[in-house]
Amino acid sequence: MAEKDESIAGFPPYERGYHAMGHLRHTPFLRIVVWAANKEIETAANEVLFTDIEAFELASLPCKSIVVSDMHLLPTIVKLADIQYIYLAAETLLEKEAQQLLYTHFTFSDQWRILLHFQQDVFESMAQLRSLRAISAHLGILQQKEIKIPITCWVHNISEELYALAAQADDLVSDTYQPTPTNDWLIANSLISKTIL
């Protein structure tokens, strides 16, 4: 079989220009959050997470968010006042019934987030993140808008932080893991943060 050269449609990268891939323009910083179940709610935390509607309504905190693990509660949760973010639990959102309930009750706003806990098996978490991206894209198609629900990854160490960034997480949170200046420098100078395609 003889080799032959075929021209490929389009322009080469140096003529069409480069575009940023990943976190070249901005790497999400790690935010510290606490669960409302903790008796000592730190004032240094950026956000307090609730899983209970009643406790959420009783709390008088400036930055409070709610984590939804039962999609049947969405109509009630959407009507709550003083809410910073509505986090959809990733484990629940991967179920078909939960997706149908979300498609029924979803109206886009900047408050929506998907919360994915990075596990010991980071590759499984990365696969879940890709599945959640597909759900987010399908939601945009149903709404006939170019929308994307940001995916927030809960990380416990620098390895999980790097893998979450590699999988294109939009936001990073933690309750115990505090990055050191050395870790910040390593992430800022990694290929994950400096990739051009």
N, C-alpha and C. Protein backbone atom coordinates (compact mmCIF):
# COMPACT_ATOMS: atom_id res chain seq x y z
N MET A 1 0.86 -1.18 0.00
CA MET A 1 0.00 0.00 0.00
C MET A 1 0.90 1.24 0.00
N ALA A 2 0.67 2.11 -0.93
CA ALA A 2 1.51 3.30 -1.08
C ALA A 2 1.05 4.42 -0.17
N GLU A 3 2.03 5.13 0.38
CA GLU A 3 1.71 6.30 1.21
C GLU A 3 1.37 7.47 0.31
N LYS A 4 0.42 8.29 0.75
CA LYS A 4 0.13 9.50 -0.01
C LYS A 4 -0.22 10.61 0.95
N ASP A 5 0.07 11.82 0.55
CA ASP A 5 -0.22 12.98 1.38
C ASP A 5 -1.60 13.52 1.01
N GLU A 6 -2.41 13.76 2.02
CA GLU A 6 -3.72 14.35 1.79
C GLU A 6 -3.79 15.65 2.57
N SER A 7 -4.36 16.64 1.93
CA SER A 7 -4.50 17.91 2.64
C SER A 7 -5.67 17.83 3.60
N ILE A 8 -5.53 18.48 4.73
CA ILE A 8 -6.57 18.49 5.76
C ILE A 8 -7.22 19.86 5.76
N ALA A 9 -8.53 19.88 5.84
CA ALA A 9 -9.25 21.15 5.81
C ALA A 9 -8.89 22.00 7.03
N GLY A 10 -8.91 23.30 6.85
CA GLY A 10 -8.66 24.22 7.97
C GLY A 10 -7.29 24.85 7.86
N PHE A 11 -6.96 25.62 8.84
CA PHE A 11 -5.69 26.33 8.88
C PHE A 11 -4.80 25.74 9.95
N PRO A 12 -3.50 25.79 9.76
CA PRO A 12 -2.62 25.31 10.83
C PRO A 12 -2.71 26.21 12.06
N PRO A 13 -2.32 25.69 13.23
CA PRO A 13 -2.48 26.45 14.47
C PRO A 13 -1.83 27.83 14.46
N TYR A 14 -0.68 27.96 13.82
CA TYR A 14 0.00 29.25 13.85
C TYR A 14 -0.72 30.29 13.01
N GLU A 15 -1.62 29.87 12.10
CA GLU A 15 -2.39 30.83 11.31
C GLU A 15 -3.74 31.14 11.95
N ARG A 16 -4.36 30.12 12.56
CA ARG A 16 -5.68 30.37 13.14
C ARG A 16 -5.60 30.90 14.54
N GLY A 17 -4.44 30.82 15.18
CA GLY A 17 -4.28 31.31 16.55
C GLY A 17 -4.49 30.20 17.56
N TYR A 18 -3.90 30.36 18.71
CA TYR A 18 -4.02 29.38 19.77
C TYR A 18 -5.22 29.72 20.65
N HIS A 19 -5.75 28.72 21.30
CA HIS A 19 -6.78 29.00 22.30
C HIS A 19 -6.40 28.31 23.61
N ALA A 20 -6.86 28.92 24.67
CA ALA A 20 -6.49 28.42 26.00
C ALA A 20 -7.29 27.17 26.31
N MET A 21 -6.61 26.21 26.88
CA MET A 21 -7.27 24.99 27.33
C MET A 21 -7.05 24.86 28.83
N GLY A 22 -8.05 24.39 29.50
CA GLY A 22 -7.88 24.16 30.93
C GLY A 22 -7.90 25.45 31.73
N HIS A 23 -6.96 25.57 32.64
CA HIS A 23 -6.95 26.68 33.58
C HIS A 23 -5.83 27.66 33.27
N LEU A 24 -5.57 27.91 31.99
CA LEU A 24 -4.46 28.79 31.63
C LEU A 24 -4.73 30.22 32.09
N ARG A 25 -5.95 30.70 31.91
CA ARG A 25 -6.27 32.07 32.28
C ARG A 25 -6.48 32.22 33.79
N HIS A 26 -7.10 31.20 34.38
CA HIS A 26 -7.44 31.31 35.81
C HIS A 26 -7.56 29.91 36.40
N THR A 27 -6.79 29.63 37.41
CA THR A 27 -6.91 28.37 38.14
C THR A 27 -7.80 28.62 39.34
N PRO A 28 -8.85 27.80 39.52
CA PRO A 28 -9.72 28.03 40.67
C PRO A 28 -8.95 27.85 41.98
N PHE A 29 -9.16 28.76 42.89
CA PHE A 29 -8.49 28.65 44.18
C PHE A 29 -9.31 27.77 45.11
N LEU A 30 -8.66 27.22 46.09
CA LEU A 30 -9.30 26.32 47.04
C LEU A 30 -10.02 27.14 48.11
N ARG A 31 -11.33 26.94 48.21
CA ARG A 31 -12.12 27.63 49.23
C ARG A 31 -12.32 26.70 50.43
N ILE A 32 -12.30 27.29 51.63
CA ILE A 32 -12.51 26.52 52.85
C ILE A 32 -13.98 26.63 53.24
N VAL A 33 -14.63 25.49 53.40
CA VAL A 33 -16.03 25.44 53.80
C VAL A 33 -16.14 24.54 55.03
N VAL A 34 -17.23 24.69 55.75
CA VAL A 34 -17.49 23.80 56.89
C VAL A 34 -18.92 23.30 56.81
N TRP A 35 -19.14 22.12 57.37
CA TRP A 35 -20.48 21.56 57.46
C TRP A 35 -21.18 22.19 58.66
N ALA A 36 -22.43 22.47 58.52
CA ALA A 36 -23.20 23.06 59.61
C ALA A 36 -23.35 22.09 60.77
N ALA A 37 -23.14 20.82 60.56
CA ALA A 37 -23.23 19.83 61.63
C ALA A 37 -22.11 20.02 62.65
N ASN A 38 -21.02 20.66 62.24
CA ASN A 38 -19.92 20.94 63.18
C ASN A 38 -20.41 21.94 64.23
N LYS A 39 -20.12 21.67 65.46
CA LYS A 39 -20.57 22.56 66.53
C LYS A 39 -19.79 23.87 66.50
N GLU A 40 -18.54 23.82 66.08
CA GLU A 40 -17.72 25.03 66.03
C GLU A 40 -17.66 25.52 64.58
N ILE A 41 -18.51 26.45 64.25
CA ILE A 41 -18.48 27.01 62.90
C ILE A 41 -17.47 28.13 62.88
N GLU A 42 -16.44 27.93 62.09
CA GLU A 42 -15.36 28.90 62.04
C GLU A 42 -15.78 30.14 61.26
N THR A 43 -15.35 31.28 61.75
CA THR A 43 -15.65 32.51 61.02
C THR A 43 -14.73 32.68 59.83
N ALA A 44 -13.60 31.96 59.81
CA ALA A 44 -12.66 32.06 58.69
C ALA A 44 -13.15 31.30 57.46
N ALA A 45 -14.15 30.45 57.62
CA ALA A 45 -14.65 29.68 56.50
C ALA A 45 -15.36 30.59 55.51
N ASN A 46 -15.18 30.30 54.23
CA ASN A 46 -15.83 31.09 53.19
C ASN A 46 -17.31 30.79 53.09
N GLU A 47 -17.70 29.63 53.57
CA GLU A 47 -19.06 29.17 53.34
C GLU A 47 -19.42 28.09 54.35
N VAL A 48 -20.70 28.00 54.70
CA VAL A 48 -21.20 26.96 55.60
C VAL A 48 -22.23 26.15 54.83
N LEU A 49 -22.06 24.83 54.83
CA LEU A 49 -22.94 23.94 54.08
C LEU A 49 -23.97 23.29 55.00
N PHE A 50 -25.21 23.28 54.54
CA PHE A 50 -26.31 22.65 55.28
C PHE A 50 -26.88 21.52 54.44
N THR A 51 -27.39 20.50 55.11
CA THR A 51 -28.09 19.43 54.42
C THR A 51 -29.56 19.39 54.82
N ASP A 52 -29.92 20.19 55.81
CA ASP A 52 -31.27 20.20 56.36
C ASP A 52 -31.91 21.57 56.13
N ILE A 53 -33.12 21.59 55.59
CA ILE A 53 -33.80 22.85 55.27
C ILE A 53 -34.12 23.65 56.54
N GLU A 54 -34.59 22.97 57.59
CA GLU A 54 -34.95 23.66 58.83
C GLU A 54 -33.73 24.33 59.47
N ALA A 55 -32.64 23.60 59.52
CA ALA A 55 -31.41 24.17 60.10
C ALA A 55 -30.91 25.33 59.26
N PHE A 56 -31.07 25.24 57.95
CA PHE A 56 -30.67 26.33 57.06
C PHE A 56 -31.47 27.59 57.36
N GLU A 57 -32.78 27.45 57.52
CA GLU A 57 -33.64 28.60 57.77
C GLU A 57 -33.39 29.22 59.13
N LEU A 58 -33.00 28.43 60.12
CA LEU A 58 -32.76 28.94 61.48
C LEU A 58 -31.40 29.64 61.61
N ALA A 59 -30.46 29.27 60.78
CA ALA A 59 -29.10 29.82 60.89
C ALA A 59 -29.07 31.27 60.41
N SER A 60 -28.34 32.10 61.12
CA SER A 60 -28.17 33.50 60.71
C SER A 60 -26.70 33.74 60.39
N LEU A 61 -26.28 33.18 59.27
CA LEU A 61 -24.90 33.29 58.81
C LEU A 61 -24.87 34.01 57.47
N PRO A 62 -23.79 34.73 57.16
CA PRO A 62 -23.76 35.49 55.91
C PRO A 62 -23.63 34.62 54.65
N CYS A 63 -22.85 33.56 54.71
CA CYS A 63 -22.59 32.73 53.52
C CYS A 63 -23.01 31.30 53.79
N LYS A 64 -24.27 31.01 53.54
CA LYS A 64 -24.75 29.66 53.78
C LYS A 64 -25.30 29.06 52.49
N SER A 65 -24.98 27.78 52.31
CA SER A 65 -25.40 27.04 51.12
C SER A 65 -26.04 25.75 51.56
N ILE A 66 -26.74 25.12 50.63
CA ILE A 66 -27.41 23.86 50.96
C ILE A 66 -26.99 22.79 49.95
N VAL A 67 -26.83 21.57 50.46
CA VAL A 67 -26.48 20.42 49.64
C VAL A 67 -27.75 19.58 49.47
N VAL A 68 -28.13 19.34 48.23
CA VAL A 68 -29.36 18.61 47.92
C VAL A 68 -29.01 17.17 47.59
N SER A 69 -29.48 16.25 48.43
CA SER A 69 -29.29 14.83 48.13
C SER A 69 -30.62 14.15 47.83
N ASP A 70 -31.73 14.85 48.04
CA ASP A 70 -33.07 14.35 47.70
C ASP A 70 -33.69 15.33 46.71
N MET A 71 -33.75 14.93 45.45
CA MET A 71 -34.23 15.83 44.40
C MET A 71 -35.71 16.17 44.54
N HIS A 72 -36.45 15.40 45.35
CA HIS A 72 -37.86 15.72 45.58
C HIS A 72 -38.02 17.03 46.34
N LEU A 73 -36.96 17.46 47.04
CA LEU A 73 -37.01 18.71 47.81
C LEU A 73 -36.66 19.95 46.98
N LEU A 74 -36.31 19.77 45.71
CA LEU A 74 -35.89 20.91 44.88
C LEU A 74 -36.90 22.05 44.83
N PRO A 75 -38.21 21.79 44.64
CA PRO A 75 -39.15 22.91 44.59
C PRO A 75 -39.13 23.77 45.87
N THR A 76 -38.93 23.14 47.03
CA THR A 76 -38.85 23.86 48.29
C THR A 76 -37.54 24.62 48.41
N ILE A 77 -36.45 23.97 48.04
CA ILE A 77 -35.12 24.57 48.18
C ILE A 77 -34.95 25.79 47.28
N VAL A 78 -35.50 25.74 46.09
CA VAL A 78 -35.37 26.85 45.15
C VAL A 78 -35.99 28.13 45.72
N LYS A 79 -37.00 27.99 46.58
CA LYS A 79 -37.69 29.15 47.15
C LYS A 79 -37.02 29.72 48.40
N LEU A 80 -35.96 29.09 48.89
CA LEU A 80 -35.29 29.57 50.10
C LEU A 80 -34.63 30.93 49.87
N ALA A 81 -34.68 31.76 50.88
CA ALA A 81 -34.04 33.09 50.80
C ALA A 81 -32.63 33.02 51.40
N ASP A 82 -31.80 33.99 51.06
CA ASP A 82 -30.44 34.12 51.60
C ASP A 82 -29.58 32.89 51.33
N ILE A 83 -29.71 32.32 50.16
CA ILE A 83 -28.92 31.14 49.84
C ILE A 83 -27.78 31.55 48.90
N GLN A 84 -26.56 31.11 49.23
CA GLN A 84 -25.43 31.43 48.37
C GLN A 84 -25.37 30.48 47.19
N TYR A 85 -25.30 29.16 47.48
CA TYR A 85 -25.25 28.16 46.42
C TYR A 85 -26.19 27.01 46.74
N ILE A 86 -26.71 26.40 45.69
CA ILE A 86 -27.46 25.15 45.79
C ILE A 86 -26.56 24.08 45.19
N TYR A 87 -26.04 23.21 46.05
CA TYR A 87 -25.15 22.14 45.59
C TYR A 87 -25.98 20.88 45.36
N LEU A 88 -25.87 20.32 44.17
CA LEU A 88 -26.51 19.05 43.86
C LEU A 88 -25.50 17.95 44.13
N ALA A 89 -25.83 17.01 45.00
CA ALA A 89 -24.91 15.93 45.33
C ALA A 89 -24.69 15.05 44.10
N ALA A 90 -23.44 14.87 43.73
CA ALA A 90 -23.09 14.14 42.51
C ALA A 90 -23.58 12.70 42.54
N GLU A 91 -23.46 12.05 43.70
CA GLU A 91 -23.87 10.65 43.81
C GLU A 91 -25.35 10.50 43.48
N THR A 92 -26.15 11.45 43.92
CA THR A 92 -27.59 11.42 43.65
C THR A 92 -27.86 11.78 42.19
N LEU A 93 -27.16 12.76 41.69
CA LEU A 93 -27.40 13.26 40.34
C LEU A 93 -27.08 12.24 39.26
N LEU A 94 -26.26 11.25 39.57
CA LEU A 94 -25.93 10.23 38.58
C LEU A 94 -27.05 9.20 38.40
N GLU A 95 -28.08 9.27 39.23
CA GLU A 95 -29.24 8.38 39.09
C GLU A 95 -30.23 8.97 38.10
N LYS A 96 -30.86 8.12 37.29
CA LYS A 96 -31.77 8.57 36.22
C LYS A 96 -32.98 9.31 36.78
N GLU A 97 -33.57 8.80 37.86
CA GLU A 97 -34.76 9.44 38.44
C GLU A 97 -34.44 10.85 38.93
N ALA A 98 -33.29 11.00 39.57
CA ALA A 98 -32.87 12.32 40.05
C ALA A 98 -32.64 13.28 38.89
N GLN A 99 -32.09 12.79 37.79
CA GLN A 99 -31.89 13.64 36.61
C GLN A 99 -33.22 14.13 36.06
N GLN A 100 -34.21 13.25 36.02
CA GLN A 100 -35.53 13.65 35.51
C GLN A 100 -36.15 14.73 36.40
N LEU A 101 -36.02 14.58 37.71
CA LEU A 101 -36.54 15.59 38.63
C LEU A 101 -35.82 16.92 38.45
N LEU A 102 -34.50 16.87 38.23
CA LEU A 102 -33.74 18.09 38.01
C LEU A 102 -34.19 18.77 36.73
N TYR A 103 -34.38 18.01 35.66
CA TYR A 103 -34.82 18.58 34.39
C TYR A 103 -36.18 19.25 34.52
N THR A 104 -37.02 18.72 35.41
CA THR A 104 -38.36 19.28 35.62
C THR A 104 -38.32 20.59 36.40
N HIS A 105 -37.50 20.67 37.44
CA HIS A 105 -37.52 21.81 38.36
C HIS A 105 -36.40 22.81 38.16
N PHE A 106 -35.57 22.63 37.15
CA PHE A 106 -34.39 23.48 36.99
C PHE A 106 -34.71 24.78 36.26
N THR A 107 -34.32 25.89 36.86
CA THR A 107 -34.28 27.19 36.18
C THR A 107 -32.90 27.75 36.45
N PHE A 108 -32.21 28.12 35.40
CA PHE A 108 -30.80 28.45 35.54
C PHE A 108 -30.58 29.75 36.32
N SER A 109 -29.60 29.71 37.21
CA SER A 109 -29.09 30.89 37.90
C SER A 109 -27.65 30.57 38.32
N ASP A 110 -26.95 31.57 38.80
CA ASP A 110 -25.56 31.37 39.22
C ASP A 110 -25.44 30.61 40.53
N GLN A 111 -26.56 30.31 41.17
CA GLN A 111 -26.52 29.62 42.46
C GLN A 111 -26.27 28.13 42.34
N TRP A 112 -26.53 27.54 41.20
CA TRP A 112 -26.44 26.10 41.04
C TRP A 112 -24.99 25.64 40.95
N ARG A 113 -24.69 24.54 41.63
CA ARG A 113 -23.39 23.88 41.58
C ARG A 113 -23.63 22.37 41.72
N ILE A 114 -22.67 21.60 41.22
CA ILE A 114 -22.67 20.16 41.45
C ILE A 114 -21.50 19.86 42.38
N LEU A 115 -21.75 19.14 43.46
CA LEU A 115 -20.71 18.84 44.45
C LEU A 115 -20.27 17.39 44.32
N LEU A 116 -19.00 17.21 43.97
CA LEU A 116 -18.41 15.88 43.81
C LEU A 116 -17.32 15.69 44.85
N HIS A 117 -17.47 14.68 45.69
CA HIS A 117 -16.43 14.34 46.67
C HIS A 117 -15.41 13.46 45.98
N PHE A 118 -14.17 13.92 45.93
CA PHE A 118 -13.11 13.08 45.38
C PHE A 118 -12.84 11.95 46.36
N GLN A 119 -12.79 10.73 45.84
CA GLN A 119 -12.62 9.53 46.64
C GLN A 119 -11.16 9.09 46.59
N GLN A 120 -10.87 7.97 47.24
CA GLN A 120 -9.53 7.39 47.16
C GLN A 120 -9.20 7.00 45.72
N ASP A 121 -10.19 6.49 45.00
CA ASP A 121 -9.98 6.13 43.60
C ASP A 121 -10.24 7.37 42.74
N VAL A 122 -9.18 8.13 42.50
CA VAL A 122 -9.34 9.41 41.80
C VAL A 122 -9.77 9.21 40.35
N PHE A 123 -9.40 8.10 39.74
CA PHE A 123 -9.80 7.86 38.36
C PHE A 123 -11.30 7.62 38.26
N GLU A 124 -11.88 6.98 39.25
CA GLU A 124 -13.32 6.82 39.30
C GLU A 124 -13.99 8.19 39.47
N SER A 125 -13.41 9.03 40.31
CA SER A 125 -13.95 10.39 40.50
C SER A 125 -13.85 11.20 39.21
N MET A 126 -12.76 11.04 38.47
CA MET A 126 -12.61 11.75 37.20
C MET A 126 -13.65 11.27 36.19
N ALA A 127 -13.94 9.98 36.18
CA ALA A 127 -14.97 9.44 35.29
C ALA A 127 -16.34 9.99 35.67
N GLN A 128 -16.61 10.08 36.99
CA GLN A 128 -17.87 10.66 37.44
C GLN A 128 -17.98 12.12 37.02
N LEU A 129 -16.87 12.85 37.10
CA LEU A 129 -16.86 14.26 36.71
C LEU A 129 -17.22 14.40 35.24
N ARG A 130 -16.69 13.52 34.40
CA ARG A 130 -17.03 13.57 32.97
C ARG A 130 -18.52 13.27 32.75
N SER A 131 -19.06 12.32 33.51
CA SER A 131 -20.49 12.01 33.41
C SER A 131 -21.34 13.20 33.83
N LEU A 132 -20.90 13.89 34.87
CA LEU A 132 -21.63 15.08 35.34
C LEU A 132 -21.56 16.20 34.30
N ARG A 133 -20.44 16.32 33.60
CA ARG A 133 -20.34 17.30 32.51
C ARG A 133 -21.37 17.01 31.43
N ALA A 134 -21.54 15.72 31.12
CA ALA A 134 -22.52 15.33 30.10
C ALA A 134 -23.95 15.67 30.56
N ILE A 135 -24.24 15.45 31.82
CA ILE A 135 -25.56 15.80 32.36
C ILE A 135 -25.77 17.31 32.27
N SER A 136 -24.76 18.08 32.62
CA SER A 136 -24.83 19.54 32.54
C SER A 136 -25.07 20.00 31.11
N ALA A 137 -24.38 19.38 30.16
CA ALA A 137 -24.55 19.74 28.74
C ALA A 137 -25.96 19.38 28.26
N HIS A 138 -26.45 18.22 28.69
CA HIS A 138 -27.82 17.82 28.30
C HIS A 138 -28.85 18.78 28.87
N LEU A 139 -28.60 19.25 30.08
CA LEU A 139 -29.50 20.23 30.69
C LEU A 139 -29.53 21.52 29.87
N GLY A 140 -28.37 21.93 29.36
CA GLY A 140 -28.30 23.11 28.49
C GLY A 140 -29.08 22.91 27.21
N ILE A 141 -29.01 21.70 26.65
CA ILE A 141 -29.76 21.41 25.42
C ILE A 141 -31.25 21.48 25.69
N LEU A 142 -31.69 20.92 26.82
CA LEU A 142 -33.12 20.96 27.17
C LEU A 142 -33.61 22.39 27.40
N GLN A 143 -32.76 23.23 27.98
CA GLN A 143 -33.12 24.63 28.24
C GLN A 143 -32.93 25.50 27.00
N GLN A 144 -32.34 24.94 25.96
CA GLN A 144 -32.03 25.64 24.71
C GLN A 144 -31.19 26.88 24.97
N LYS A 145 -30.21 26.70 25.84
CA LYS A 145 -29.28 27.77 26.18
C LYS A 145 -27.88 27.19 26.29
N GLU A 146 -26.90 28.02 26.13
CA GLU A 146 -25.53 27.58 26.36
C GLU A 146 -25.19 27.81 27.82
N ILE A 147 -25.59 26.85 28.65
CA ILE A 147 -25.34 26.96 30.08
C ILE A 147 -24.48 25.79 30.53
N LYS A 148 -23.82 26.00 31.62
CA LYS A 148 -22.98 24.96 32.20
C LYS A 148 -23.07 25.12 33.72
N ILE A 149 -23.47 24.06 34.39
CA ILE A 149 -23.49 24.10 35.85
C ILE A 149 -22.06 23.85 36.33
N PRO A 150 -21.48 24.76 37.09
CA PRO A 150 -20.11 24.53 37.58
C PRO A 150 -20.03 23.31 38.48
N ILE A 151 -18.96 22.56 38.32
CA ILE A 151 -18.74 21.37 39.15
C ILE A 151 -17.70 21.70 40.21
N THR A 152 -18.12 21.57 41.46
CA THR A 152 -17.26 21.83 42.61
C THR A 152 -16.74 20.50 43.13
N CYS A 153 -15.44 20.38 43.28
CA CYS A 153 -14.84 19.15 43.79
C CYS A 153 -14.36 19.35 45.23
N TRP A 154 -14.76 18.43 46.08
CA TRP A 154 -14.32 18.43 47.47
C TRP A 154 -13.04 17.61 47.53
N VAL A 155 -11.93 18.24 47.85
CA VAL A 155 -10.63 17.56 47.84
C VAL A 155 -10.06 17.48 49.26
N HIS A 156 -9.17 16.50 49.46
CA HIS A 156 -8.60 16.27 50.79
C HIS A 156 -7.09 16.45 50.84
N ASN A 157 -6.42 16.49 49.67
CA ASN A 157 -4.97 16.62 49.63
C ASN A 157 -4.55 17.17 48.27
N ILE A 158 -3.25 17.39 48.11
CA ILE A 158 -2.75 18.00 46.87
C ILE A 158 -2.93 17.07 45.67
N SER A 159 -2.84 15.78 45.87
CA SER A 159 -3.04 14.85 44.75
C SER A 159 -4.44 14.96 44.19
N GLU A 160 -5.43 14.97 45.09
CA GLU A 160 -6.81 15.11 44.64
C GLU A 160 -7.05 16.46 43.99
N GLU A 161 -6.40 17.50 44.51
CA GLU A 161 -6.52 18.83 43.92
C GLU A 161 -5.99 18.83 42.49
N LEU A 162 -4.83 18.21 42.27
CA LEU A 162 -4.25 18.13 40.93
C LEU A 162 -5.14 17.33 39.98
N TYR A 163 -5.64 16.19 40.44
CA TYR A 163 -6.51 15.38 39.59
C TYR A 163 -7.82 16.11 39.28
N ALA A 164 -8.36 16.83 40.24
CA ALA A 164 -9.58 17.60 40.00
C ALA A 164 -9.34 18.69 38.96
N LEU A 165 -8.20 19.36 39.05
CA LEU A 165 -7.86 20.37 38.05
C LEU A 165 -7.63 19.73 36.68
N ALA A 166 -7.00 18.56 36.66
CA ALA A 166 -6.77 17.87 35.39
C ALA A 166 -8.09 17.46 34.74
N ALA A 167 -9.09 17.16 35.54
CA ALA A 167 -10.41 16.78 35.02
C ALA A 167 -11.29 17.98 34.75
N GLN A 168 -10.73 19.19 34.85
CA GLN A 168 -11.43 20.43 34.54
C GLN A 168 -12.52 20.79 35.55
N ALA A 169 -12.24 20.61 36.83
CA ALA A 169 -13.17 21.06 37.87
C ALA A 169 -13.26 22.58 37.82
N ASP A 170 -14.45 23.11 38.05
CA ASP A 170 -14.65 24.55 38.00
C ASP A 170 -14.36 25.22 39.33
N ASP A 171 -14.42 24.47 40.41
CA ASP A 171 -14.30 25.04 41.74
C ASP A 171 -13.75 23.96 42.66
N LEU A 172 -12.99 24.36 43.67
CA LEU A 172 -12.40 23.42 44.62
C LEU A 172 -12.75 23.86 46.04
N VAL A 173 -13.19 22.91 46.86
CA VAL A 173 -13.48 23.22 48.27
C VAL A 173 -12.87 22.13 49.14
N SER A 174 -12.67 22.48 50.39
CA SER A 174 -12.18 21.53 51.39
C SER A 174 -12.53 22.06 52.77
N ASP A 175 -12.53 21.16 53.74
CA ASP A 175 -12.78 21.60 55.11
C ASP A 175 -11.53 21.48 55.97
N THR A 176 -10.64 20.56 55.63
CA THR A 176 -9.45 20.35 56.47
C THR A 176 -8.14 20.60 55.74
N TYR A 177 -8.11 20.35 54.47
CA TYR A 177 -6.87 20.47 53.70
C TYR A 177 -6.52 21.94 53.47
N GLN A 178 -5.37 22.35 53.96
CA GLN A 178 -4.87 23.71 53.78
C GLN A 178 -3.62 23.65 52.91
N PRO A 179 -3.68 24.18 51.67
CA PRO A 179 -2.48 24.11 50.83
C PRO A 179 -1.37 25.01 51.36
N THR A 180 -0.16 24.55 51.20
CA THR A 180 1.00 25.34 51.60
C THR A 180 1.43 26.22 50.43
N PRO A 181 2.23 27.25 50.67
CA PRO A 181 2.74 28.06 49.55
C PRO A 181 3.51 27.23 48.52
N THR A 182 4.20 26.20 48.98
CA THR A 182 4.92 25.32 48.05
C THR A 182 3.95 24.56 47.15
N ASN A 183 2.87 24.05 47.74
CA ASN A 183 1.85 23.36 46.94
C ASN A 183 1.21 24.31 45.93
N ASP A 184 0.92 25.53 46.36
CA ASP A 184 0.35 26.52 45.44
C ASP A 184 1.29 26.79 44.27
N TRP A 185 2.60 26.89 44.58
CA TRP A 185 3.58 27.14 43.53
C TRP A 185 3.65 25.95 42.57
N LEU A 186 3.63 24.73 43.11
CA LEU A 186 3.67 23.54 42.26
C LEU A 186 2.47 23.46 41.33
N ILE A 187 1.29 23.77 41.85
CA ILE A 187 0.09 23.73 41.01
C ILE A 187 0.13 24.83 39.96
N ALA A 188 0.55 26.02 40.36
CA ALA A 188 0.60 27.14 39.41
C ALA A 188 1.59 26.89 38.28
N ASN A 189 2.63 26.11 38.53
CA ASN A 189 3.64 25.85 37.51
C ASN A 189 3.56 24.44 36.91
N SER A 190 2.45 23.77 37.12
CA SER A 190 2.29 22.43 36.56
C SER A 190 1.76 22.53 35.13
N LEU A 191 1.85 21.43 34.39
CA LEU A 191 1.31 21.41 33.03
C LEU A 191 -0.21 21.55 33.03
N ILE A 192 -0.84 21.16 34.13
CA ILE A 192 -2.29 21.29 34.22
C ILE A 192 -2.70 22.76 34.17
N SER A 193 -1.92 23.62 34.78
CA SER A 193 -2.24 25.05 34.81
C SER A 193 -1.67 25.81 33.63
N LYS A 194 -0.76 25.23 32.88
CA LYS A 194 -0.05 25.96 31.82
C LYS A 194 -0.16 25.30 30.46
N THR A 195 -1.30 24.74 30.11
CA THR A 195 -1.44 24.02 28.85
C THR A 195 -2.06 24.89 27.78
N ILE A 196 -1.47 24.89 26.60
CA ILE A 196 -2.05 25.56 25.43
C ILE A 196 -2.26 24.50 24.36
N LEU A 197 -3.41 24.55 23.72
CA LEU A 197 -3.69 23.61 22.64
C LEU A 197 -3.80 24.34 21.33
